[in-house]
Amino acid sequence: MKLFIGIDIGTTSTKAVAFNRHGQVIEQTQAGYTTRIPWPGRAEQDPEEVYQAVMEATKELFNKTGASGIQAIGFSSAMHSMLAVDEKGTPLTPLMLWSDNRSREYAKKLKQSSGAQALYERTGTPMHPMTPLTKLMWLQEHEADCFVKASKFLGIKDYVLFKWTGQYLTDYSMASGTGMFNIHTFAWDEEAVRLAGITTEQLPDAVSPLMLLTNMKQEVLAELGLDQLIPIAVGASDGPLANIGSGAVEPKQLAVTIGTSGAVRKITERPELDERGRTFCYAIMEGMWIVGGPTNNGAVCLQWFKENVEHFQHDSLESSASADSQRAPQGSSEAVPSSEAISPYEQMFNVIASVPAGAEGLLFLPFLSGERAPHWDADAQGLFFGLGLEHNRGHMMRAVAEGMLYAIYSIAKLLGEPPAAYEGVIASGGFAQSSIGVAMMADLFGVPVQLPDSNEASAFGAAVLAMTATGELSSMMEGASLVKMSRVFVPDVRITEIYRRMSHLYDRIYIHLAEAGDFAYAAQLKHELATARV
């Protein structure tokens, strides 16, 4: 049997998944790593620990499948990470993650500069501390010795590819996420690179995600237990690959991914830019761009609530699904019933389902880690609004889940209103393992929400790249056509109306607090209290 491997380097773990030619999952493995928060606003990982997890997951997968049928490997990776390496490729810094906000002041200054909109229009990247551009500005001032010693600045996928092949390469989508790549010319943007204080020679070569590498190092082959070379597709970022791997490639299909964080995306045939710089537009390859927005605050909000307010048996939002009874919110219907196992958080969602839509007026702003789209406000803070004596933990639980979805919906509104802009949503990510959660999403968006057979959309997207690069498929679109939908959730119009009103209140509260300067004041106060703590 021919096998194609998708390796997805995520925020909390790496998954290695073997697919057959028809897109069916044959085997999969996973290995995790630790995120350190050494200081408020920072988020770091040990790049070597991440690399060893990639090796562990890949080696275990090969042990399960055998190597003889493996045709090619494709990579997927979370965006916006950065580390500095010396001339030998040895890390000089920890891996700074997308959620690292240490460069927030540099992002603010950049956003307020006269050239901000022009920079956005060239790079498609909003001004935010997630970007390696602002991380480099911070590094130059705060760790000057390290900055001077650095030979290259890489993302985590770039680092893994270097360890495997000895080449410094990135793909167009990962390059786009740095804030230093021109999405029109498919080349590093000289002005953005100058702002970062580096040269283009200190960045990896930006290449097509379909570029095929056949030079895996002998020591890597040996460690993986391979006796022959396996072609490697350079791959792309997890966002566009989730679209491809979930089948969301048509103009009126919106992809919503909710894992630790979340995102709303659509694939386009030309760059589409927001006049206020609120959405991203990243290049994938010639004739293909991806437009949308990310939220910092996906299912991590439920994880936070579970660990700090409520306690259930299950430990991880990303762990394997359970077989508890499947329930949907009152009034929601499912066009295609299924007996598939659902989220390990089903206990939590069963409580959520017992509370009416709108949580009887209780609203949660989910900005536990600041926010990216649509506000790009690193100072935004989380809060409950409308809390009264009539509310209990169940109401709070439902408000948290709904607040997370309001954040997703506020991004979708930037891409247009249904049905003119989109006629349906395809959902993926850990949150999509809950039938109740997905039914809530359908009720909020007011359009049908579909679930693919496999929840490993980014990994399958990476495998599709491997299939396309080796000629097994004629195009990535052919790969997307392999995706089969397992379930469809249709909205209840009565609940949709409730959510429209609550979503409007959600927007009003954010605007009021942001314009009054209350978020910025609270963020500064929080920082001062944290640093003064003995």
Protein backbone atom coordinates (compact mmCIF):
# COMPACT_ATOMS: atom_id res chain seq x y z
CA MET A 1 0.00 0.00 0.00
CA LYS A 2 1.25 3.46 -0.89
CA LEU A 3 1.48 5.73 2.16
CA PHE A 4 1.94 9.49 2.36
CA ILE A 5 2.98 11.07 5.64
CA GLY A 6 1.77 14.39 7.03
CA ILE A 7 3.84 15.77 9.91
CA ASP A 8 2.02 18.57 11.74
CA ILE A 9 4.19 20.58 14.16
CA GLY A 10 1.58 22.17 16.41
CA THR A 11 1.68 24.49 19.40
CA THR A 12 1.53 21.74 22.02
CA SER A 13 2.52 18.59 20.14
CA THR A 14 3.63 17.11 16.84
CA LYS A 15 1.42 14.61 15.04
CA ALA A 16 2.67 12.21 12.39
CA VAL A 17 -0.14 10.71 10.32
CA ALA A 18 0.01 8.10 7.55
CA PHE A 19 -2.65 8.38 4.83
CA ASN A 20 -3.34 6.12 1.89
CA ARG A 21 -3.88 7.41 -1.64
CA HIS A 22 -7.58 7.96 -0.89
CA GLY A 23 -7.03 10.16 2.16
CA GLN A 24 -7.87 7.55 4.78
CA VAL A 25 -5.90 7.57 8.04
CA ILE A 26 -3.88 4.36 8.38
CA GLU A 27 -1.81 5.14 11.49
CA GLN A 28 -0.98 8.18 13.57
CA THR A 29 1.30 9.09 16.46
CA GLN A 30 1.83 12.12 18.65
CA ALA A 31 4.56 13.55 20.89
CA GLY A 32 4.24 16.64 23.07
CA TYR A 33 6.47 19.36 24.45
CA THR A 34 6.40 22.06 27.11
CA THR A 35 5.67 25.75 26.71
CA ARG A 36 7.43 27.97 29.24
CA ILE A 37 6.13 31.33 30.44
CA PRO A 38 9.30 32.80 32.02
CA TRP A 39 7.76 36.27 32.26
CA PRO A 40 4.25 37.67 31.78
CA GLY A 41 3.53 37.99 28.07
CA ARG A 42 6.24 35.57 26.94
CA ALA A 43 5.78 32.08 25.50
CA GLU A 44 8.82 29.94 24.69
CA GLN A 45 9.76 26.39 23.81
CA ASP A 46 13.06 24.56 23.59
CA PRO A 47 13.61 24.06 19.84
CA GLU A 48 15.58 20.89 20.50
CA GLU A 49 12.72 19.46 22.57
CA VAL A 50 10.32 20.19 19.71
CA TYR A 51 12.73 18.60 17.23
CA GLN A 52 13.03 15.47 19.36
CA ALA A 53 9.23 15.24 19.50
CA VAL A 54 9.14 15.39 15.69
CA MET A 55 11.68 12.57 15.58
CA GLU A 56 9.84 10.54 18.22
CA ALA A 57 6.45 10.81 16.51
CA THR A 58 7.92 10.07 13.06
CA LYS A 59 9.99 7.11 14.22
CA GLU A 60 7.05 5.60 16.09
CA LEU A 61 4.86 5.99 13.01
CA PHE A 62 7.44 4.29 10.79
CA ASN A 63 7.69 1.46 13.30
CA LYS A 64 3.94 0.97 13.02
CA THR A 65 3.60 1.25 9.25
CA GLY A 66 6.94 -0.06 8.08
CA ALA A 67 9.00 2.05 5.72
CA SER A 68 8.55 0.11 2.48
CA GLY A 69 5.23 1.71 1.47
CA ILE A 70 6.10 5.30 2.35
CA GLN A 71 6.19 7.42 -0.80
CA ALA A 72 6.80 10.92 0.57
CA ILE A 73 6.54 13.21 3.60
CA GLY A 74 4.91 16.64 3.79
CA PHE A 75 5.24 19.17 6.61
CA SER A 76 2.73 21.43 8.33
CA SER A 77 3.57 23.89 11.07
CA ALA A 78 2.07 26.53 13.32
CA MET A 79 2.97 30.02 12.14
CA HIS A 80 4.92 33.00 13.51
CA SER A 81 7.50 31.14 15.62
CA MET A 82 11.10 32.36 15.59
CA LEU A 83 14.53 31.36 16.83
CA ALA A 84 18.04 32.58 16.08
CA VAL A 85 20.81 30.13 15.13
CA ASP A 86 24.56 30.54 14.70
CA GLU A 87 26.60 29.68 11.61
CA LYS A 88 26.41 25.97 12.48
CA GLY A 89 22.64 26.02 12.91
CA THR A 90 22.84 25.78 16.71
CA PRO A 91 20.02 27.65 18.50
CA LEU A 92 21.02 30.87 20.23
CA THR A 93 17.54 31.61 21.57
CA PRO A 94 14.49 29.69 22.70
CA LEU A 95 11.70 29.31 20.17
CA MET A 96 9.40 32.32 20.53
CA LEU A 97 5.82 31.26 19.79
CA TRP A 98 3.00 33.07 18.01
CA SER A 99 1.51 33.78 21.45
CA ASP A 100 4.65 35.57 22.69
CA ASN A 101 3.71 39.22 23.24
CA ARG A 102 7.04 40.64 24.42
CA SER A 103 7.29 42.85 21.34
CA ARG A 104 3.90 44.51 21.90
CA GLU A 105 5.36 48.04 22.20
CA TYR A 106 7.23 47.63 18.91
CA ALA A 107 4.05 46.40 17.24
CA LYS A 108 2.14 49.43 18.57
CA LYS A 109 4.74 51.85 17.22
CA LEU A 110 4.80 50.08 13.87
CA LYS A 111 1.00 50.15 13.67
CA GLN A 112 0.99 53.90 14.37
CA SER A 113 3.73 54.68 11.84
CA SER A 114 3.04 56.47 8.57
CA GLY A 115 4.10 53.45 6.52
CA ALA A 116 1.99 50.88 8.38
CA GLN A 117 -0.79 50.49 5.81
CA ALA A 118 1.66 50.33 2.90
CA LEU A 119 3.64 47.65 4.75
CA TYR A 120 0.44 45.69 5.36
CA GLU A 121 -0.58 45.99 1.71
CA ARG A 122 2.77 44.56 0.60
CA THR A 123 3.05 41.78 3.18
CA GLY A 124 -0.58 40.97 4.00
CA THR A 125 0.38 40.74 7.67
CA PRO A 126 -1.31 42.87 10.36
CA MET A 127 0.96 44.68 12.84
CA HIS A 128 1.06 42.50 15.96
CA PRO A 129 3.66 41.04 18.35
CA MET A 130 3.00 37.58 16.91
CA THR A 131 5.13 38.46 13.89
CA PRO A 132 8.85 37.68 13.69
CA LEU A 133 9.26 41.22 12.34
CA THR A 134 8.43 42.75 15.73
CA LYS A 135 10.17 39.93 17.60
CA LEU A 136 13.37 40.85 15.74
CA MET A 137 12.93 44.50 16.67
CA TRP A 138 12.66 43.48 20.33
CA LEU A 139 15.62 41.09 20.11
CA GLN A 140 17.87 43.73 18.58
CA GLU A 141 17.32 46.06 21.52
CA HIS A 142 17.04 43.64 24.44
CA GLU A 143 19.44 40.83 23.48
CA ALA A 144 21.92 42.67 21.31
CA ASP A 145 24.79 40.17 21.77
CA CYS A 146 22.61 37.29 20.60
CA PHE A 147 21.21 39.38 17.76
CA VAL A 148 24.71 40.18 16.46
CA LYS A 149 25.86 36.55 16.69
CA ALA A 150 22.85 35.21 14.79
CA SER A 151 23.55 33.80 11.35
CA LYS A 152 19.92 32.93 10.52
CA PHE A 153 16.45 33.55 11.90
CA LEU A 154 14.09 30.60 11.41
CA GLY A 155 10.63 29.27 12.14
CA ILE A 156 10.31 25.83 13.73
CA LYS A 157 9.55 24.03 10.44
CA ASP A 158 12.57 25.72 8.86
CA TYR A 159 14.69 24.46 11.75
CA VAL A 160 13.46 20.88 11.37
CA LEU A 161 14.10 20.96 7.62
CA PHE A 162 17.62 22.24 8.28
CA LYS A 163 18.25 19.42 10.76
CA TRP A 164 16.99 16.90 8.20
CA THR A 165 18.63 18.24 5.04
CA GLY A 166 21.19 20.91 5.92
CA GLN A 167 19.27 23.48 3.83
CA TYR A 168 17.75 26.73 5.09
CA LEU A 169 14.31 26.77 3.45
CA THR A 170 10.88 28.11 4.20
CA ASP A 171 7.72 28.08 2.11
CA TYR A 172 5.73 31.06 0.87
CA SER A 173 2.99 30.78 3.51
CA MET A 174 5.39 30.58 6.45
CA ALA A 175 7.41 33.44 4.97
CA SER A 176 4.20 35.47 4.66
CA GLY A 177 3.55 35.05 8.37
CA THR A 178 6.82 36.75 9.29
CA GLY A 179 5.57 40.17 8.19
CA MET A 180 8.63 40.49 5.95
CA PHE A 181 7.49 38.78 2.74
CA ASN A 182 5.96 40.50 -0.27
CA ILE A 183 2.86 38.51 -1.21
CA HIS A 184 2.75 40.06 -4.68
CA THR A 185 6.35 39.44 -5.77
CA PHE A 186 6.91 36.22 -3.75
CA ALA A 187 10.17 37.62 -2.38
CA TRP A 188 11.43 39.02 0.91
CA ASP A 189 10.35 42.65 1.30
CA GLU A 190 13.50 44.78 1.50
CA GLU A 191 11.86 47.58 3.52
CA ALA A 192 10.37 45.18 6.09
CA VAL A 193 13.69 43.36 6.43
CA ARG A 194 15.41 46.70 6.97
CA LEU A 195 12.91 47.57 9.72
CA ALA A 196 13.80 44.27 11.39
CA GLY A 197 17.46 45.27 11.41
CA ILE A 198 18.67 42.26 9.43
CA THR A 199 19.46 41.27 5.84
CA THR A 200 17.71 38.85 3.51
CA GLU A 201 20.80 36.61 3.76
CA GLN A 202 19.83 35.98 7.39
CA LEU A 203 16.49 34.51 6.34
CA PRO A 204 15.84 31.11 4.76
CA ASP A 205 15.18 30.86 1.04
CA ALA A 206 11.44 31.15 0.35
CA VAL A 207 10.28 28.36 -1.99
CA SER A 208 7.13 26.66 -3.23
CA PRO A 209 5.45 24.34 -0.70
CA LEU A 210 5.65 21.68 -3.43
CA MET A 211 9.44 21.79 -3.63
CA LEU A 212 10.65 18.21 -3.23
CA LEU A 213 13.81 17.47 -1.23
CA THR A 214 15.71 14.22 -1.68
CA ASN A 215 18.74 14.85 0.49
CA MET A 216 17.84 13.67 3.98
CA LYS A 217 21.00 13.37 6.07
CA GLN A 218 22.36 9.87 6.68
CA GLU A 219 22.30 10.31 10.46
CA VAL A 220 18.61 11.26 10.30
CA LEU A 221 17.84 8.25 8.12
CA ALA A 222 19.61 6.03 10.63
CA GLU A 223 17.81 7.53 13.63
CA LEU A 224 14.45 7.04 11.91
CA GLY A 225 15.35 3.46 11.04
CA LEU A 226 15.27 4.05 7.29
CA ASP A 227 17.54 2.37 4.79
CA GLN A 228 16.53 4.51 1.80
CA LEU A 229 15.74 8.14 1.08
CA ILE A 230 12.16 9.34 1.32
CA PRO A 231 11.24 12.51 -0.63
CA ILE A 232 10.18 15.47 1.51
CA ALA A 233 7.78 18.21 0.39
CA VAL A 234 8.77 21.51 2.02
CA GLY A 235 5.17 21.93 3.13
CA ALA A 236 3.26 24.96 4.39
CA SER A 237 1.64 26.52 7.43
CA ASP A 238 -1.14 24.72 9.25
CA GLY A 239 -3.79 27.29 8.27
CA PRO A 240 -3.91 26.86 4.49
CA LEU A 241 -3.22 23.16 4.87
CA ALA A 242 -6.26 22.87 7.15
CA ASN A 243 -8.36 24.38 4.35
CA ILE A 244 -6.97 21.90 1.83
CA GLY A 245 -7.14 18.99 4.26
CA SER A 246 -10.75 19.71 5.20
CA GLY A 247 -11.92 20.30 1.64
CA ALA A 248 -12.60 24.03 2.14
CA VAL A 249 -11.21 25.26 -1.16
CA GLU A 250 -14.26 26.68 -2.96
CA PRO A 251 -14.90 30.46 -3.03
CA LYS A 252 -18.02 30.22 -0.86
CA GLN A 253 -16.60 27.77 1.68
CA LEU A 254 -15.32 29.13 4.96
CA ALA A 255 -12.94 27.06 7.07
CA VAL A 256 -13.08 27.43 10.84
CA THR A 257 -10.40 25.74 12.91
CA ILE A 258 -10.58 25.81 16.70
CA GLY A 259 -7.82 24.16 18.66
CA THR A 260 -5.78 25.90 21.34
CA SER A 261 -6.29 29.06 19.29
CA GLY A 262 -8.62 29.49 16.35
CA ALA A 263 -8.89 30.88 12.85
CA VAL A 264 -11.31 31.68 10.05
CA ARG A 265 -9.96 31.36 6.50
CA LYS A 266 -10.91 31.18 2.85
CA ILE A 267 -8.77 30.43 -0.20
CA THR A 268 -8.68 33.02 -2.99
CA GLU A 269 -7.22 33.28 -6.48
CA ARG A 270 -5.77 36.76 -5.87
CA PRO A 271 -4.69 38.83 -2.87
CA GLU A 272 -7.56 40.34 -0.87
CA LEU A 273 -6.59 43.04 1.62
CA ASP A 274 -8.61 44.84 4.27
CA GLU A 275 -8.66 48.64 4.10
CA ARG A 276 -8.01 48.77 7.86
CA GLY A 277 -5.49 45.94 7.98
CA ARG A 278 -7.68 43.66 10.09
CA THR A 279 -7.30 40.42 8.11
CA PHE A 280 -4.25 38.52 6.95
CA CYS A 281 -3.58 37.62 3.34
CA TYR A 282 -0.82 35.04 2.96
CA ALA A 283 0.66 33.64 -0.23
CA ILE A 284 0.49 29.88 -0.68
CA MET A 285 1.74 29.61 -4.25
CA GLU A 286 1.20 31.36 -7.57
CA GLY A 287 -2.55 31.77 -8.08
CA MET A 288 -3.43 30.83 -4.50
CA TRP A 289 -3.66 33.00 -1.39
CA ILE A 290 -5.41 32.53 1.93
CA VAL A 291 -7.40 35.30 3.60
CA GLY A 292 -8.78 35.39 7.12
CA GLY A 293 -7.95 36.06 10.72
CA PRO A 294 -6.71 34.22 13.81
CA THR A 295 -7.88 34.43 17.41
CA ASN A 296 -5.56 33.78 20.34
CA ASN A 297 -8.43 32.49 22.40
CA GLY A 298 -9.81 29.24 21.09
CA ALA A 299 -10.52 26.17 23.17
CA VAL A 300 -7.77 27.25 25.58
CA CYS A 301 -10.58 29.25 27.21
CA LEU A 302 -12.45 26.04 28.03
CA GLN A 303 -9.19 24.48 29.22
CA TRP A 304 -8.66 27.48 31.51
CA PHE A 305 -12.20 27.22 32.90
CA LYS A 306 -11.90 23.50 33.46
CA GLU A 307 -8.58 23.72 35.27
CA ASN A 308 -9.37 26.77 37.40
CA VAL A 309 -13.13 26.82 37.96
CA GLU A 310 -14.57 23.39 37.21
CA HIS A 311 -13.09 19.89 37.40
CA PHE A 312 -13.93 16.94 35.19
CA GLN A 313 -12.29 13.58 34.64
CA HIS A 314 -10.55 14.34 31.35
CA ASP A 315 -7.23 16.14 31.22
CA SER A 316 -6.70 17.40 27.70
CA LEU A 317 -8.84 19.12 25.14
CA GLU A 318 -6.67 17.54 22.43
CA SER A 319 -6.79 13.97 23.78
CA SER A 320 -8.68 11.09 22.20
CA ALA A 321 -12.44 11.24 21.83
CA SER A 322 -14.84 9.57 24.24
CA ALA A 323 -18.03 7.69 23.49
CA ASP A 324 -20.42 9.54 25.80
CA SER A 325 -23.93 10.17 24.53
CA GLN A 326 -24.14 12.82 21.83
CA ARG A 327 -26.31 15.80 22.48
CA ALA A 328 -26.94 19.05 20.64
CA PRO A 329 -28.19 22.38 22.00
CA GLN A 330 -31.93 22.77 22.27
CA GLY A 331 -33.41 23.59 18.90
CA SER A 332 -30.38 22.51 16.85
CA SER A 333 -30.69 19.67 14.38
CA GLU A 334 -28.21 17.44 12.62
CA ALA A 335 -28.89 16.51 9.01
CA VAL A 336 -26.64 13.47 9.17
CA PRO A 337 -26.63 11.59 12.52
CA SER A 338 -23.52 9.69 13.48
CA SER A 339 -22.29 7.36 16.22
CA GLU A 340 -18.70 8.58 15.99
CA ALA A 341 -16.94 9.20 19.30
CA ILE A 342 -16.90 12.79 20.46
CA SER A 343 -14.86 15.18 22.57
CA PRO A 344 -13.37 14.21 25.93
CA TYR A 345 -15.00 17.39 27.20
CA GLU A 346 -18.46 15.91 26.67
CA GLN A 347 -19.18 16.15 30.41
CA MET A 348 -18.57 19.87 30.15
CA PHE A 349 -20.62 20.21 26.97
CA ASN A 350 -23.50 18.26 28.51
CA VAL A 351 -23.67 20.95 31.21
CA ILE A 352 -23.40 23.65 28.52
CA ALA A 353 -26.29 22.06 26.61
CA SER A 354 -28.50 22.26 29.72
CA VAL A 355 -28.21 26.08 29.75
CA PRO A 356 -30.28 28.11 27.25
CA ALA A 357 -28.53 29.75 24.31
CA GLY A 358 -27.25 33.17 25.32
CA ALA A 359 -26.55 31.93 28.87
CA GLU A 360 -29.50 34.03 30.11
CA GLY A 361 -27.68 37.26 29.32
CA LEU A 362 -24.24 36.33 30.66
CA LEU A 363 -21.47 37.28 28.25
CA PHE A 364 -17.78 36.35 28.28
CA LEU A 365 -15.06 38.28 26.48
CA PRO A 366 -12.44 35.56 25.88
CA PHE A 367 -9.33 37.74 25.67
CA LEU A 368 -7.24 35.66 28.07
CA SER A 369 -4.14 36.16 25.90
CA GLY A 370 -4.85 39.53 24.33
CA GLU A 371 -6.33 39.25 20.86
CA ARG A 372 -5.37 39.11 17.24
CA ALA A 373 -8.12 39.47 14.64
CA PRO A 374 -10.18 41.48 14.22
CA HIS A 375 -8.82 43.98 16.76
CA TRP A 376 -5.10 43.12 16.87
CA ASP A 377 -5.05 44.30 20.47
CA ALA A 378 -2.42 42.70 22.69
CA ASP A 379 -3.86 44.63 25.68
CA ALA A 380 -7.40 43.19 25.41
CA GLN A 381 -8.49 41.50 28.65
CA GLY A 382 -10.99 38.75 29.44
CA LEU A 383 -14.12 39.43 31.47
CA PHE A 384 -17.62 38.25 32.37
CA PHE A 385 -20.36 40.82 31.72
CA GLY A 386 -23.92 40.68 33.03
CA LEU A 387 -23.17 38.32 35.92
CA GLY A 388 -26.03 38.10 38.43
CA LEU A 389 -27.28 36.02 41.34
CA GLU A 390 -29.34 33.96 38.90
CA HIS A 391 -26.21 32.62 37.20
CA ASN A 392 -24.29 29.50 38.20
CA ARG A 393 -21.22 27.67 36.95
CA GLY A 394 -23.22 26.17 34.11
CA HIS A 395 -24.08 29.65 32.85
CA MET A 396 -20.44 30.66 33.13
CA MET A 397 -19.40 27.54 31.26
CA ARG A 398 -21.82 28.23 28.42
CA ALA A 399 -20.79 31.90 28.31
CA VAL A 400 -17.13 30.88 27.92
CA ALA A 401 -17.94 28.57 24.99
CA GLU A 402 -20.18 31.19 23.37
CA GLY A 403 -17.64 33.99 23.92
CA MET A 404 -15.00 31.95 22.14
CA LEU A 405 -17.41 31.49 19.22
CA TYR A 406 -18.32 35.20 19.17
CA ALA A 407 -14.60 35.90 18.70
CA ILE A 408 -14.55 33.53 15.73
CA TYR A 409 -17.71 35.07 14.29
CA SER A 410 -16.33 38.61 14.60
CA ILE A 411 -13.52 37.54 12.27
CA ALA A 412 -15.90 35.86 9.82
CA LYS A 413 -17.89 39.10 9.52
CA LEU A 414 -14.81 40.79 8.03
CA LEU A 415 -14.99 38.33 5.13
CA GLY A 416 -18.62 39.19 4.41
CA GLU A 417 -22.09 38.04 5.39
CA PRO A 418 -23.76 34.79 4.30
CA PRO A 419 -25.00 33.81 1.81
CA ALA A 420 -23.31 36.41 -0.40
CA ALA A 421 -19.82 35.78 1.01
CA TYR A 422 -20.15 32.13 2.02
CA GLU A 423 -22.84 29.47 2.06
CA GLY A 424 -21.36 27.03 4.53
CA VAL A 425 -18.62 26.37 7.05
CA ILE A 426 -16.25 23.41 7.30
CA ALA A 427 -15.03 22.92 10.87
CA SER A 428 -11.87 21.26 12.15
CA GLY A 429 -9.69 21.20 15.25
CA GLY A 430 -10.15 19.80 18.75
CA PHE A 431 -13.33 21.79 19.39
CA ALA A 432 -14.94 20.13 16.37
CA GLN A 433 -14.85 16.80 18.24
CA SER A 434 -17.89 17.97 20.22
CA SER A 435 -21.22 17.66 18.43
CA ILE A 436 -22.70 20.16 20.87
CA GLY A 437 -19.99 22.72 20.20
CA VAL A 438 -20.32 22.40 16.43
CA ALA A 439 -24.11 22.72 16.64
CA MET A 440 -23.58 25.97 18.59
CA MET A 441 -21.30 27.15 15.78
CA ALA A 442 -24.00 26.42 13.18
CA ASP A 443 -26.58 28.32 15.23
CA LEU A 444 -24.28 31.34 15.53
CA PHE A 445 -23.19 31.49 11.88
CA GLY A 446 -26.67 30.76 10.59
CA VAL A 447 -25.38 28.41 7.88
CA PRO A 448 -24.76 24.64 7.74
CA VAL A 449 -21.51 23.46 9.31
CA GLN A 450 -19.87 20.31 7.95
CA LEU A 451 -17.36 18.00 9.60
CA PRO A 452 -14.81 16.00 7.58
CA ASP A 453 -14.33 12.30 8.28
CA SER A 454 -10.85 12.93 9.69
CA ASN A 455 -10.08 15.62 12.24
CA GLU A 456 -6.42 15.77 11.13
CA ALA A 457 -6.98 18.43 8.48
CA SER A 458 -3.53 20.08 8.60
CA ALA A 459 -1.73 16.75 8.56
CA PHE A 460 -3.79 15.60 5.58
CA GLY A 461 -3.09 18.90 3.84
CA ALA A 462 0.61 18.21 4.31
CA ALA A 463 0.15 14.70 2.91
CA VAL A 464 -1.70 16.19 -0.09
CA LEU A 465 1.36 18.38 -0.74
CA ALA A 466 3.51 15.25 -0.67
CA MET A 467 1.15 13.48 -3.09
CA THR A 468 1.08 16.47 -5.44
CA ALA A 469 4.83 17.05 -5.32
CA THR A 470 5.52 13.43 -6.28
CA GLY A 471 2.93 13.39 -9.08
CA GLU A 472 0.49 11.08 -7.33
CA LEU A 473 -2.09 13.87 -7.60
CA SER A 474 -2.44 16.39 -10.40
CA SER A 475 -3.07 19.27 -8.00
CA MET A 476 -3.79 20.16 -4.39
CA MET A 477 -7.41 20.73 -5.40
CA GLU A 478 -7.63 17.09 -6.43
CA GLY A 479 -6.41 16.21 -2.96
CA ALA A 480 -9.07 18.40 -1.36
CA SER A 481 -11.71 16.54 -3.38
CA LEU A 482 -10.76 13.34 -1.55
CA VAL A 483 -12.18 14.73 1.70
CA LYS A 484 -15.46 13.10 2.73
CA MET A 485 -17.89 14.83 5.07
CA SER A 486 -19.21 12.76 7.96
CA ARG A 487 -21.79 15.10 9.49
CA VAL A 488 -23.77 18.23 8.74
CA PHE A 489 -25.17 20.56 11.43
CA VAL A 490 -27.98 22.88 10.40
CA PRO A 491 -28.83 26.06 12.34
CA ASP A 492 -31.94 26.80 14.36
CA VAL A 493 -33.07 30.26 13.20
CA ARG A 494 -34.51 31.09 16.64
CA ILE A 495 -31.16 30.55 18.30
CA THR A 496 -29.38 32.37 15.48
CA GLU A 497 -31.40 35.49 16.35
CA ILE A 498 -30.40 35.22 20.02
CA TYR A 499 -26.76 34.89 19.06
CA ARG A 500 -26.95 37.87 16.71
CA ARG A 501 -28.10 40.06 19.61
CA MET A 502 -25.48 38.71 22.01
CA SER A 503 -22.77 39.07 19.38
CA HIS A 504 -23.78 42.71 18.88
CA LEU A 505 -23.42 43.29 22.63
CA TYR A 506 -20.04 41.54 22.55
CA ASP A 507 -18.81 43.97 19.87
CA ARG A 508 -20.16 47.02 21.74
CA ILE A 509 -18.44 46.10 25.00
CA TYR A 510 -15.09 45.60 23.31
CA ILE A 511 -15.31 48.89 21.40
CA HIS A 512 -16.30 50.84 24.52
CA LEU A 513 -13.48 49.45 26.69
CA ALA A 514 -10.86 49.76 23.96
CA GLU A 515 -11.76 53.32 23.00
CA ALA A 516 -11.87 54.39 26.65
CA GLY A 517 -8.35 53.04 27.14
CA ASP A 518 -9.49 50.63 29.84
CA PHE A 519 -7.86 47.57 28.28
CA ALA A 520 -4.52 49.35 27.96
CA TYR A 521 -4.76 50.63 31.55
CA ALA A 522 -5.64 47.15 32.88
CA ALA A 523 -2.77 45.55 30.94
CA GLN A 524 -0.28 48.06 32.31
CA LEU A 525 -1.60 47.62 35.85
CA LYS A 526 -1.41 43.84 35.53
CA HIS A 527 2.21 44.10 34.37
CA GLU A 528 3.15 46.40 37.25
CA LEU A 529 1.52 44.17 39.85
CA ALA A 530 3.16 41.05 38.40
CA THR A 531 6.63 42.60 38.38
CA ALA A 532 6.20 44.01 41.90
CA ARG A 533 5.19 40.63 43.35
CA VAL A 534 7.74 39.23 45.79
